[in-house]
Structure formats: structure tokens, C-alpha cells
Amino acid sequence: MNKEEKNSKKILFFKSAFSLVELMISLITISVVVSALAPIITKKLGGKNGVSIMEDNLTTYCEKKFTSDCKLCDGNKRCVVCEKSCPSGKDDDKCECFICTDDDFLPNCMQCNKEKCFKCEGGYGLGNRDCTLCPIGKYSDGTFECRECSQGYYTATAGSTTCTLCEVGNKCNDGIKTQCLPGSYQNNSGQTTCNTCPAGTCQPNQGQSTCTNCSTGYYQDQTGQTLCKTCSSKTLNCAECVATNGTCTRCNSGYYLAANKTCQPCPANGQCTNGNTISCNAGYYLSGTTCIICPNGKYSTGGATSCLTSTVISQCVTYSKTSNACSACNSGYHISGGKCVSDCTCSNGTCTASSGSSCGSCNAGYYLSNGSCVRCPAGSACSGGTAGKKSCGGLTWSGAGATSCSWCWIGNCNAGICTEVNHTSGTCKKCLGCYYLSGEGCRQK
């Protein structure tokens, strides 16, 4: 074994031996400790034939060559035990501090000696000797090798000290963040997969946390889609449909929704309301999907499924099928309140063509007088028409408005006892010779 190998072994031994002695006997001088440990040091450092302490010039008087932090040295060659505290690198042989990164000795190393790095800068992994930049997907705080992020976490750049929780709209695997593709989404953080947009929705952009519902007039019957389809692309002239399958629910203006869910043109003489329902025009009624005109004598006001019977047919020549009203009357009549009313102003009688608006004929119980119908007075009879009034004679009488005269009715009038009657009341006015008038009748004397 050469002298350099022996000295290396001596140095390693004394570094350990000195720390142990310092802990056990703090008040004993270094020289006493060295003397007490001399047999051990000699045994550890000795070669085949053994070497003494003094032969290798090991001493505790090191301040002349080194600083006071060197507690044991090999003469003036090197420090064996150095207690100097260094923030970065330490040269134990010289018992001096230095910066690990000086002269590119150990780039990105924070703590080292001349042979090895013990702590790297954050974002660099500790290797066998030097520091390695952690790539994207890995991290290190400088005290360990670069490690892969847990699932659901990532690093965005190389040289990261920690991993970041995967945000919504993304998935993270093996430390790499990937945005969710169009047609997918992720609404939770820390996930490794993205969700597929369901039917009835779409998502045209990447990196999204939600899917967009199809707007009115659109649908999507497949999953994972970027766009919605128009309802009319499945059903022609369809305005609205079920968002998840495209089944039409409302048609465009001018069309109605048929039973088979197709959009059909509105029938003639009808309208389509709300894109679903047929409403027939006034004067028509709905039969199935056809608007049929109301038959003569009937009418409808619109939106009807059947026609109503007209009540203004009398004396009406032309009447409306859209309302219960006459539009043209027979001669001698005019329209009033939608009905045909006679032009004649005669009361209790009728007008004739020759009489114009005045009376030409009277009702029974009335008689014609100067173009008017006058009620028949008591004591007369009026049969109506063009005849005048007829006075009651003999033993007859009548009340007002009578059409004929009646025989008297009081006492023995009909037996010939009464010889004269009151023609307006039917009472007896004069009796036969052997009778006298008593009240309203004749009595025997």
C-alpha cells in the first residue's frame, strides 16, 4: 500500500474518531485525545508493518496553515478534521468554503464537496454526482431525484419543484396536462380522463368544463359532437324539435305538424297556428285536414269543426256564411240588425204594392181608415182586410176589437122580452110591455 492510500485511510478514521471524542470529552485537549487514540489511529492508518502518528505528521496545531476550524491536519499538507460550516461547498482538505457552481464545477448545486453534490437547486434532481434538470411531467425540490407527478397532477415547465392539480377542462396523465378535445369536457379538477358530451349537446372548443345545449331549432342525436344539427335537416320545414333525437314538435309558418311528425302545407281556406294546428277561415269547417265550405243555410265564424244553422233566412236573398247575417233581402224588405225587415210602416196590418209604406190591408179586429189600421170600436165588428167596420144592430153587441157582433146575454134577452139592447155592453135597455127594467135585465110586473 503506498503512502497516499495510507493517508486517505488515516483521514477517514480521524474524521470519525474526532467527532466521537468531541462528544464524550469536551474538556480534554485535542493532544490528549490524539495520544489516547494513538494505538487505534496507528492500527487504522498503519500498513503492513504499522505507521506511527508522528511519522505521518498528524497534529492539532493547524491554525498556521489552516483556519481555526481545522481541528486536525496532516502537517501543512491538508486538513483532516474540518469543523467549518459552509452555506454551499466546502473543501475539507483546505478547510475552506466555496460556491458549488463556481467555474461550472457543479452547475445548479447548492451544497457539495469537491467530489459530489448533496443538494441541488429546486427543479433539479439529485443524481449520482451532479444535478439534472427535471423534464416536464417530473419535479424535485433538490434533495431527491426527479420524480413523476401523481395521476391527476402535472408540471407545465421543466425544472418544477412541485406538481399542480389538474384544472377543469383538462386531463393529466404521467405529469402531462392535455386539454379536453372538442366534443368532450371535464368539470372536475384532478382528473385523468375527459367526459364525452351527451346527445342534445355539443362543444366546438377544446379545454372546456361543460357542453352547450342545442339551441331552439337544433338537435344532436349522437354523443361527443362539436356542432348541433338544424331540425329542418331531418324534417323539412321543421322549426323546433326534440334536442336529443330531432323529432319535430313545431313547423314553420304556413305548415302544420301531421300525425307522422312531418310538416305539411296549410290547406286552402285555412291557417296553421303555432306551427301545429289547422284553423279554417270563417265560412268553412275542418274535416280531417281539409277546410270545407259551409252548406247553404249555415255559417261559421272561423276555427270551426262544424257549421251553425242561420236564423236570418226569412225574406233573405243573399246571406253570409261567415256570420249569422243577411246581406240582401226580397223586394219590400230591408236589412236591420242583420235580418230582413219589411219596408211597410203599417201597424196591425200589411202594406200592398199599391199602398207603398201605408196600410193596404188590416188584421182582423181592425179596419182601414186613411191608410192606417184602426182598432174596431165596441158596438162594431171588423173582419179585417180592406173592409170597414160594421155596426152591431138589433139585439146584438160587441166589445172593442171584435171581429163579429154577438147576441145579448142578460135576462131573457134571447127570448124576446128585451126589445132594445146596449150594443157596446150587451145589457138590455127596454123591455116588453108586461115587464120592467131592473138592473141589467127585464122582470115581470
Protein backbone atom coordinates (compact mmCIF):
# COMPACT_ATOMS: atom_id res chain seq x y z
CA MET A 1 0.00 0.00 0.00
CA ASN A 2 1.52 3.38 -0.99
CA LYS A 3 1.71 6.39 1.29
CA GLU A 4 -1.25 8.22 -0.39
CA GLU A 5 -3.59 5.30 0.20
CA LYS A 6 -2.43 5.09 3.80
CA ASN A 7 -3.07 8.78 4.36
CA SER A 8 -6.58 8.51 2.88
CA LYS A 9 -7.43 5.79 5.37
CA LYS A 10 -5.95 7.86 8.17
CA ILE A 11 -8.08 10.86 7.21
CA LEU A 12 -11.30 8.87 7.13
CA PHE A 13 -10.54 7.38 10.51
CA PHE A 14 -9.65 10.62 12.21
CA LYS A 15 -12.77 12.39 10.93
CA SER A 16 -14.89 9.77 12.68
CA ALA A 17 -12.63 9.47 15.73
CA PHE A 18 -12.54 13.21 16.34
CA SER A 19 -16.33 13.60 16.30
CA LEU A 20 -16.71 10.77 18.80
CA VAL A 21 -14.08 12.21 21.18
CA GLU A 22 -15.64 15.68 20.96
CA LEU A 23 -18.97 14.34 22.13
CA MET A 24 -17.56 12.29 25.00
CA ILE A 25 -14.85 14.53 26.43
CA SER A 26 -15.33 18.20 25.58
CA LEU A 27 -12.83 19.49 28.16
CA ILE A 28 -9.91 17.24 27.20
CA THR A 29 -7.45 18.85 24.85
CA ILE A 30 -7.01 17.60 21.31
CA SER A 31 -3.48 16.45 22.04
CA VAL A 32 -4.57 14.22 24.90
CA VAL A 33 -7.30 12.76 22.71
CA VAL A 34 -4.86 12.07 19.92
CA SER A 35 -2.39 10.48 22.34
CA ALA A 36 -5.13 8.32 23.87
CA LEU A 37 -6.29 7.22 20.42
CA ALA A 38 -2.78 6.80 19.07
CA PRO A 39 -2.82 2.97 19.13
CA ILE A 40 -6.12 2.94 17.27
CA ILE A 41 -5.00 5.57 14.73
CA THR A 42 -1.77 3.67 14.22
CA LYS A 43 -3.71 0.46 13.67
CA LYS A 44 -6.19 2.13 11.18
CA LEU A 45 -3.54 4.08 9.28
CA GLY A 46 -0.76 1.59 9.52
CA GLY A 47 0.36 -0.52 6.65
CA LYS A 48 1.68 -3.99 6.85
CA ASN A 49 4.37 -3.01 9.32
CA GLY A 50 2.34 -0.19 11.07
CA VAL A 51 2.92 3.58 10.93
CA SER A 52 3.03 5.97 13.93
CA ILE A 53 1.15 9.25 14.29
CA MET A 54 4.25 11.32 14.35
CA GLU A 55 5.54 9.59 11.27
CA ASP A 56 2.58 10.99 9.27
CA ASN A 57 2.83 14.44 10.84
CA LEU A 58 -0.78 14.45 12.16
CA THR A 59 -1.20 17.35 14.55
CA THR A 60 -3.82 19.56 16.16
CA TYR A 61 -1.77 22.68 15.63
CA CYS A 62 -3.25 23.64 12.31
CA GLU A 63 -4.02 27.36 12.57
CA LYS A 64 -0.77 28.45 10.95
CA LYS A 65 -1.58 26.72 7.69
CA PHE A 66 -5.36 26.47 8.06
CA THR A 67 -8.07 28.36 9.96
CA SER A 68 -9.10 27.61 13.50
CA ASP A 69 -11.89 25.47 12.10
CA CYS A 70 -9.31 22.80 11.25
CA LYS A 71 -9.01 20.62 14.35
CA LEU A 72 -6.60 18.02 12.93
CA CYS A 73 -4.26 18.24 9.99
CA ASP A 74 -1.54 16.36 8.22
CA GLY A 75 1.21 18.86 8.78
CA ASN A 76 0.90 21.59 6.21
CA LYS A 77 -0.48 19.32 3.51
CA ARG A 78 -4.19 19.03 4.25
CA CYS A 79 -6.80 19.36 6.94
CA VAL A 80 -8.01 16.06 8.27
CA VAL A 81 -10.85 17.23 10.55
CA CYS A 82 -12.57 20.50 9.46
CA GLU A 83 -15.43 21.95 11.54
CA LYS A 84 -16.07 24.87 9.24
CA SER A 85 -19.76 25.43 8.36
CA CYS A 86 -20.29 26.40 4.71
CA PRO A 87 -23.55 27.53 3.09
CA SER A 88 -22.64 25.91 -0.21
CA GLY A 89 -19.47 23.94 -0.96
CA LYS A 90 -16.65 23.00 1.44
CA ASP A 91 -13.10 21.93 0.60
CA ASP A 92 -12.27 19.65 3.54
CA ASP A 93 -8.58 19.37 2.56
CA LYS A 94 -8.16 23.15 2.79
CA CYS A 95 -10.94 23.67 5.34
CA GLU A 96 -12.33 26.40 3.09
CA CYS A 97 -15.79 27.34 1.73
CA PHE A 98 -16.53 27.81 -1.93
CA ILE A 99 -19.56 28.17 -4.21
CA CYS A 100 -20.52 24.87 -5.80
CA THR A 101 -21.37 26.48 -9.10
CA ASP A 102 -18.11 28.44 -9.44
CA ASP A 103 -16.22 27.68 -12.60
CA ASP A 104 -19.10 25.32 -13.62
CA PHE A 105 -17.83 22.80 -11.10
CA LEU A 106 -21.33 21.51 -10.29
CA PRO A 107 -23.97 23.63 -12.09
CA ASN A 108 -27.21 24.12 -10.14
CA CYS A 109 -25.74 22.54 -7.00
CA MET A 110 -26.44 24.21 -3.68
CA GLN A 111 -24.36 22.07 -1.31
CA CYS A 112 -21.35 19.95 -2.25
CA ASN A 113 -17.78 18.98 -1.67
CA LYS A 114 -15.08 18.62 -4.28
CA GLU A 115 -16.35 15.20 -5.35
CA LYS A 116 -20.16 15.24 -5.10
CA CYS A 117 -23.30 17.35 -4.83
CA PHE A 118 -25.53 16.84 -1.82
CA LYS A 119 -28.37 19.28 -2.62
CA CYS A 120 -29.48 20.76 -5.94
CA GLU A 121 -31.47 23.85 -6.81
CA GLY A 122 -35.23 23.36 -6.81
CA GLY A 123 -36.37 21.78 -10.07
CA TYR A 124 -33.16 19.79 -10.42
CA GLY A 125 -32.89 16.15 -9.46
CA LEU A 126 -30.03 14.84 -7.35
CA GLY A 127 -28.00 12.34 -9.37
CA ASN A 128 -25.01 10.16 -8.53
CA ARG A 129 -22.72 13.21 -8.54
CA ASP A 130 -24.33 16.23 -10.16
CA CYS A 131 -27.79 17.82 -10.77
CA THR A 132 -30.20 17.06 -13.62
CA LEU A 133 -32.98 19.42 -14.83
CA CYS A 134 -36.37 17.79 -14.21
CA PRO A 135 -38.29 17.49 -17.51
CA ILE A 136 -41.97 18.38 -17.95
CA GLY A 137 -44.01 15.86 -16.01
CA LYS A 138 -41.44 15.47 -13.21
CA TYR A 139 -40.37 17.54 -10.21
CA SER A 140 -37.81 17.78 -7.38
CA ASP A 141 -37.07 20.16 -4.50
CA GLY A 142 -33.35 19.45 -4.96
CA THR A 143 -32.95 16.83 -2.23
CA PHE A 144 -34.01 13.85 -4.32
CA GLU A 145 -34.02 12.63 -7.89
CA CYS A 146 -36.65 13.89 -10.37
CA ARG A 147 -39.94 12.17 -9.61
CA GLU A 148 -43.02 11.68 -11.80
CA CYS A 149 -46.18 13.57 -10.78
CA SER A 150 -49.10 11.61 -9.34
CA GLN A 151 -52.02 10.91 -11.65
CA GLY A 152 -54.25 13.98 -11.91
CA TYR A 153 -51.26 16.34 -11.41
CA TYR A 154 -48.83 17.95 -13.87
CA THR A 155 -45.92 20.33 -14.35
CA ALA A 156 -46.18 22.95 -17.06
CA THR A 157 -42.45 23.61 -17.47
CA ALA A 158 -39.15 21.83 -16.98
CA GLY A 159 -37.44 22.48 -13.65
CA SER A 160 -40.57 22.38 -11.47
CA THR A 161 -40.32 21.93 -7.71
CA THR A 162 -43.91 20.75 -7.23
CA CYS A 163 -46.78 19.38 -9.30
CA THR A 164 -50.01 21.29 -9.96
CA LEU A 165 -53.53 19.89 -9.58
CA CYS A 166 -55.09 19.32 -13.00
CA GLU A 167 -57.65 22.08 -13.72
CA VAL A 168 -61.17 21.62 -15.08
CA GLY A 169 -61.30 21.29 -18.85
CA ASN A 170 -58.15 19.13 -18.80
CA LYS A 171 -56.89 15.63 -18.09
CA CYS A 172 -53.48 14.85 -16.59
CA ASN A 173 -51.57 11.60 -17.05
CA ASP A 174 -47.90 10.87 -16.25
CA GLY A 175 -47.44 14.51 -15.24
CA ILE A 176 -48.56 15.87 -18.62
CA LYS A 177 -51.64 18.12 -18.93
CA THR A 178 -53.79 17.72 -22.04
CA GLN A 179 -56.82 19.85 -22.89
CA CYS A 180 -60.12 18.05 -23.44
CA LEU A 181 -60.78 17.75 -27.17
CA PRO A 182 -63.80 19.37 -28.88
CA GLY A 183 -66.85 17.23 -28.21
CA SER A 184 -65.70 16.46 -24.66
CA TYR A 185 -65.42 18.21 -21.29
CA GLN A 186 -64.22 17.82 -17.71
CA ASN A 187 -65.95 19.70 -14.89
CA ASN A 188 -63.83 18.36 -12.04
CA SER A 189 -60.19 19.02 -11.19
CA GLY A 190 -57.52 16.36 -10.73
CA GLN A 191 -58.90 14.05 -13.43
CA THR A 192 -57.14 11.68 -15.83
CA THR A 193 -59.90 11.45 -18.46
CA CYS A 194 -62.38 13.73 -20.22
CA ASN A 195 -66.13 13.12 -20.45
CA THR A 196 -67.98 12.79 -23.75
CA CYS A 197 -70.68 15.38 -24.47
CA PRO A 198 -74.12 13.65 -24.31
CA ALA A 199 -76.79 13.72 -27.01
CA GLY A 200 -78.60 17.04 -27.19
CA THR A 201 -75.37 18.97 -26.59
CA CYS A 202 -72.17 19.94 -28.38
CA GLN A 203 -68.81 21.54 -27.66
CA PRO A 204 -66.86 23.12 -30.54
CA ASN A 205 -63.87 24.21 -28.43
CA GLN A 206 -61.14 22.37 -26.55
CA GLY A 207 -60.34 22.68 -22.87
CA GLN A 208 -63.94 23.18 -21.73
CA SER A 209 -65.64 22.31 -18.44
CA THR A 210 -69.18 21.99 -19.85
CA CYS A 211 -71.08 21.12 -23.01
CA THR A 212 -73.53 23.51 -24.67
CA ASN A 213 -77.21 22.55 -25.01
CA CYS A 214 -78.54 22.66 -28.55
CA SER A 215 -80.46 25.89 -29.18
CA THR A 216 -84.12 26.01 -30.26
CA GLY A 217 -84.34 24.75 -33.81
CA TYR A 218 -81.32 22.44 -33.42
CA TYR A 219 -80.67 18.90 -32.20
CA GLN A 220 -77.88 16.35 -31.84
CA ASP A 221 -78.71 12.65 -31.68
CA GLN A 222 -75.10 11.48 -31.21
CA THR A 223 -72.56 11.87 -28.40
CA GLY A 224 -69.21 13.60 -28.50
CA GLN A 225 -70.17 16.11 -31.18
CA THR A 226 -68.81 19.59 -31.88
CA LEU A 227 -71.94 21.07 -33.51
CA CYS A 228 -75.74 20.66 -33.39
CA LYS A 229 -77.87 19.97 -36.48
CA THR A 230 -80.84 22.02 -37.69
CA CYS A 231 -84.28 20.49 -37.12
CA SER A 232 -85.10 21.10 -40.80
CA SER A 233 -82.15 18.93 -41.82
CA LYS A 234 -84.11 15.93 -40.54
CA THR A 235 -87.68 17.14 -41.17
CA LEU A 236 -88.23 19.66 -43.95
CA ASN A 237 -89.83 22.94 -42.81
CA CYS A 238 -89.49 21.98 -39.12
CA ALA A 239 -88.94 24.93 -36.76
CA GLU A 240 -88.46 23.09 -33.43
CA CYS A 241 -87.64 19.53 -32.48
CA VAL A 242 -86.57 17.25 -29.62
CA ALA A 243 -82.95 18.15 -28.86
CA THR A 244 -81.78 14.54 -28.43
CA ASN A 245 -83.34 12.88 -31.48
CA GLY A 246 -84.63 15.57 -33.88
CA THR A 247 -88.32 14.55 -33.76
CA CYS A 248 -90.24 17.60 -34.99
CA THR A 249 -92.51 19.38 -32.47
CA ARG A 250 -93.37 22.60 -34.37
CA CYS A 251 -93.36 23.53 -38.05
CA ASN A 252 -92.50 26.76 -39.84
CA SER A 253 -95.20 29.34 -40.60
CA GLY A 254 -97.55 28.08 -43.32
CA TYR A 255 -97.18 24.44 -42.28
CA TYR A 256 -98.78 22.13 -39.73
CA LEU A 257 -97.43 19.09 -37.87
CA ALA A 258 -99.01 15.94 -39.27
CA ALA A 259 -99.59 12.75 -37.29
CA ASN A 260 -96.44 11.21 -38.76
CA LYS A 261 -94.40 14.16 -37.39
CA THR A 262 -93.81 15.69 -40.83
CA CYS A 263 -94.59 19.29 -41.78
CA GLN A 264 -97.36 19.66 -44.36
CA PRO A 265 -98.58 22.85 -46.12
CA CYS A 266 -101.66 24.52 -44.64
CA PRO A 267 -104.84 23.54 -46.54
CA ALA A 268 -106.70 26.02 -48.74
CA ASN A 269 -109.05 28.36 -46.84
CA GLY A 270 -107.23 27.62 -43.61
CA GLN A 271 -104.37 28.83 -41.41
CA CYS A 272 -101.75 27.00 -39.35
CA THR A 273 -101.41 28.31 -35.81
CA ASN A 274 -98.25 27.73 -33.72
CA GLY A 275 -96.90 25.53 -36.49
CA ASN A 276 -99.06 22.67 -35.27
CA THR A 277 -102.82 23.25 -35.63
CA ILE A 278 -105.08 23.89 -38.64
CA SER A 279 -107.67 26.64 -38.21
CA CYS A 280 -110.20 27.06 -41.04
CA ASN A 281 -111.31 30.51 -42.18
CA ALA A 282 -114.77 31.87 -41.42
CA GLY A 283 -117.40 30.20 -43.61
CA TYR A 284 -115.52 26.89 -43.54
CA TYR A 285 -115.19 23.98 -41.14
CA LEU A 286 -112.40 21.47 -40.57
CA SER A 287 -112.90 17.89 -41.69
CA GLY A 288 -109.73 15.88 -41.07
CA THR A 289 -107.05 18.12 -42.53
CA THR A 290 -109.31 19.83 -45.11
CA CYS A 291 -111.32 23.06 -44.83
CA ILE A 292 -114.83 22.63 -46.33
CA ILE A 293 -117.22 25.49 -47.11
CA CYS A 294 -120.41 25.65 -45.02
CA PRO A 295 -123.55 24.45 -46.89
CA ASN A 296 -126.43 26.82 -47.71
CA GLY A 297 -128.30 28.00 -44.66
CA LYS A 298 -125.29 27.58 -42.37
CA TYR A 299 -122.33 29.66 -41.31
CA SER A 300 -119.12 29.63 -39.21
CA THR A 301 -117.00 32.42 -37.74
CA GLY A 302 -113.61 30.69 -38.18
CA GLY A 303 -111.71 27.88 -36.46
CA ALA A 304 -114.87 25.74 -36.52
CA THR A 305 -115.17 22.00 -36.83
CA SER A 306 -118.86 22.29 -37.81
CA CYS A 307 -121.23 24.98 -39.20
CA LEU A 308 -124.17 26.61 -37.39
CA THR A 309 -127.69 27.00 -38.78
CA SER A 310 -128.55 30.55 -39.88
CA THR A 311 -131.53 32.29 -38.20
CA VAL A 312 -131.90 35.09 -40.78
CA ILE A 313 -133.05 33.10 -43.80
CA SER A 314 -136.65 34.55 -43.92
CA GLN A 315 -137.03 37.03 -46.82
CA CYS A 316 -133.22 36.88 -47.26
CA VAL A 317 -131.89 36.51 -50.79
CA THR A 318 -128.15 36.56 -50.00
CA TYR A 319 -126.74 35.76 -46.59
CA SER A 320 -123.18 35.50 -45.26
CA LYS A 321 -121.59 32.14 -44.47
CA THR A 322 -119.08 33.85 -42.20
CA SER A 323 -121.67 35.32 -39.80
CA ASN A 324 -125.33 34.98 -38.87
CA ALA A 325 -126.40 37.94 -41.04
CA CYS A 326 -128.31 38.63 -44.27
CA SER A 327 -126.70 40.73 -46.99
CA ALA A 328 -129.66 41.08 -49.44
CA CYS A 329 -133.47 40.86 -48.94
CA ASN A 330 -136.53 40.29 -51.10
CA SER A 331 -138.37 43.29 -52.54
CA GLY A 332 -140.29 45.22 -49.88
CA TYR A 333 -137.77 44.34 -47.16
CA HIS A 334 -134.59 45.90 -45.92
CA ILE A 335 -131.72 44.75 -43.64
CA SER A 336 -131.92 45.75 -40.00
CA GLY A 337 -129.63 44.10 -37.43
CA GLY A 338 -128.57 41.51 -39.99
CA LYS A 339 -132.15 40.47 -40.62
CA CYS A 340 -134.70 41.31 -43.34
CA VAL A 341 -137.33 43.75 -42.09
CA SER A 342 -140.40 44.86 -44.06
CA ASP A 343 -140.33 48.32 -45.60
CA CYS A 344 -144.03 48.70 -44.56
CA THR A 345 -144.65 51.08 -41.64
CA CYS A 346 -148.19 49.79 -41.14
CA SER A 347 -149.13 48.61 -37.68
CA ASN A 348 -151.76 45.88 -37.28
CA GLY A 349 -151.88 45.36 -41.00
CA THR A 350 -149.89 44.95 -44.14
CA CYS A 351 -148.77 47.09 -46.99
CA THR A 352 -149.51 46.32 -50.60
CA ALA A 353 -147.53 47.24 -53.65
CA SER A 354 -150.01 49.94 -54.49
CA SER A 355 -150.04 51.36 -50.96
CA GLY A 356 -146.27 51.60 -50.54
CA SER A 357 -145.34 52.07 -46.89
CA SER A 358 -149.00 52.79 -45.80
CA CYS A 359 -151.54 50.13 -44.83
CA GLY A 360 -153.33 48.41 -47.66
CA SER A 361 -154.95 45.66 -45.59
CA CYS A 362 -155.74 45.32 -41.87
CA ASN A 363 -155.68 42.46 -39.46
CA ALA A 364 -158.95 41.03 -38.10
CA GLY A 365 -160.34 43.30 -35.37
CA TYR A 366 -159.09 46.39 -37.24
CA TYR A 367 -160.47 48.47 -40.07
CA LEU A 368 -158.76 50.57 -42.72
CA SER A 369 -159.02 54.34 -42.29
CA ASN A 370 -156.90 56.81 -44.27
CA GLY A 371 -154.04 54.32 -44.85
CA SER A 372 -153.94 53.16 -41.23
CA CYS A 373 -155.44 50.22 -39.41
CA VAL A 374 -157.66 51.33 -36.55
CA ARG A 375 -158.90 49.04 -33.82
CA CYS A 376 -162.53 48.15 -34.14
CA PRO A 377 -164.62 50.10 -31.50
CA ALA A 378 -167.17 48.48 -29.16
CA GLY A 379 -170.59 48.04 -30.80
CA SER A 380 -168.98 47.28 -34.16
CA ALA A 381 -167.43 44.32 -35.91
CA CYS A 382 -164.25 44.42 -38.07
CA SER A 383 -163.36 41.37 -40.13
CA GLY A 384 -160.05 42.90 -41.35
CA GLY A 385 -158.67 43.17 -44.84
CA THR A 386 -159.90 46.14 -46.77
CA ALA A 387 -163.42 46.06 -45.23
CA GLY A 388 -164.50 48.83 -42.93
CA LYS A 389 -166.24 48.49 -39.58
CA LYS A 390 -169.86 47.18 -39.29
CA SER A 391 -172.16 48.43 -36.51
CA CYS A 392 -173.98 45.86 -34.41
CA GLY A 393 -177.83 46.05 -34.86
CA GLY A 394 -180.98 44.61 -33.25
CA LEU A 395 -180.28 42.65 -30.12
CA THR A 396 -176.54 42.23 -30.83
CA TRP A 397 -173.46 43.84 -29.28
CA SER A 398 -169.64 43.71 -29.31
CA GLY A 399 -166.58 44.80 -27.32
CA ALA A 400 -163.59 46.71 -28.77
CA GLY A 401 -161.54 44.81 -31.38
CA ALA A 402 -164.35 42.37 -32.12
CA THR A 403 -164.48 40.67 -35.47
CA SER A 404 -168.27 39.99 -35.24
CA CYS A 405 -171.41 41.02 -33.19
CA SER A 406 -172.91 38.72 -30.52
CA TRP A 407 -176.49 38.30 -29.21
CA CYS A 408 -177.34 39.96 -25.90
CA TRP A 409 -176.89 37.66 -22.93
CA ILE A 410 -178.59 39.18 -19.89
CA GLY A 411 -182.02 38.01 -18.60
CA ASN A 412 -184.49 36.82 -21.17
CA CYS A 413 -182.94 38.83 -23.92
CA ASN A 414 -182.84 35.96 -26.37
CA ALA A 415 -186.49 35.08 -25.54
CA GLY A 416 -187.75 38.37 -26.96
CA ILE A 417 -188.54 40.00 -23.60
CA CYS A 418 -185.89 42.66 -24.15
CA THR A 419 -186.81 44.85 -27.08
CA GLU A 420 -183.69 47.09 -27.16
CA VAL A 421 -180.03 46.28 -26.30
CA ASN A 422 -176.96 48.35 -25.41
CA HIS A 423 -174.75 47.46 -28.40
CA THR A 424 -171.46 48.14 -26.53
CA SER A 425 -172.13 46.15 -23.33
CA GLY A 426 -174.86 43.64 -24.23
CA THR A 427 -177.25 44.83 -21.49
CA CYS A 428 -180.99 45.37 -22.05
CA LYS A 429 -182.21 48.94 -22.47
CA LYS A 430 -186.04 48.39 -22.95
CA CYS A 431 -188.40 45.56 -22.01
CA LEU A 432 -191.66 44.11 -23.37
CA GLY A 433 -194.97 45.74 -22.09
CA CYS A 434 -195.65 43.50 -19.05
CA TYR A 435 -192.00 43.61 -17.96
CA TYR A 436 -189.93 46.28 -16.39
CA LEU A 437 -186.23 47.02 -16.48
CA SER A 438 -184.47 46.01 -13.32
CA GLY A 439 -180.70 46.36 -13.24
CA GLU A 440 -179.39 44.91 -16.46
CA GLY A 441 -182.41 42.68 -17.19
CA CYS A 442 -186.23 42.60 -17.53
CA ARG A 443 -188.53 41.45 -14.71
CA GLN A 444 -192.28 40.68 -14.81
CA LYS A 445 -194.55 43.24 -13.26
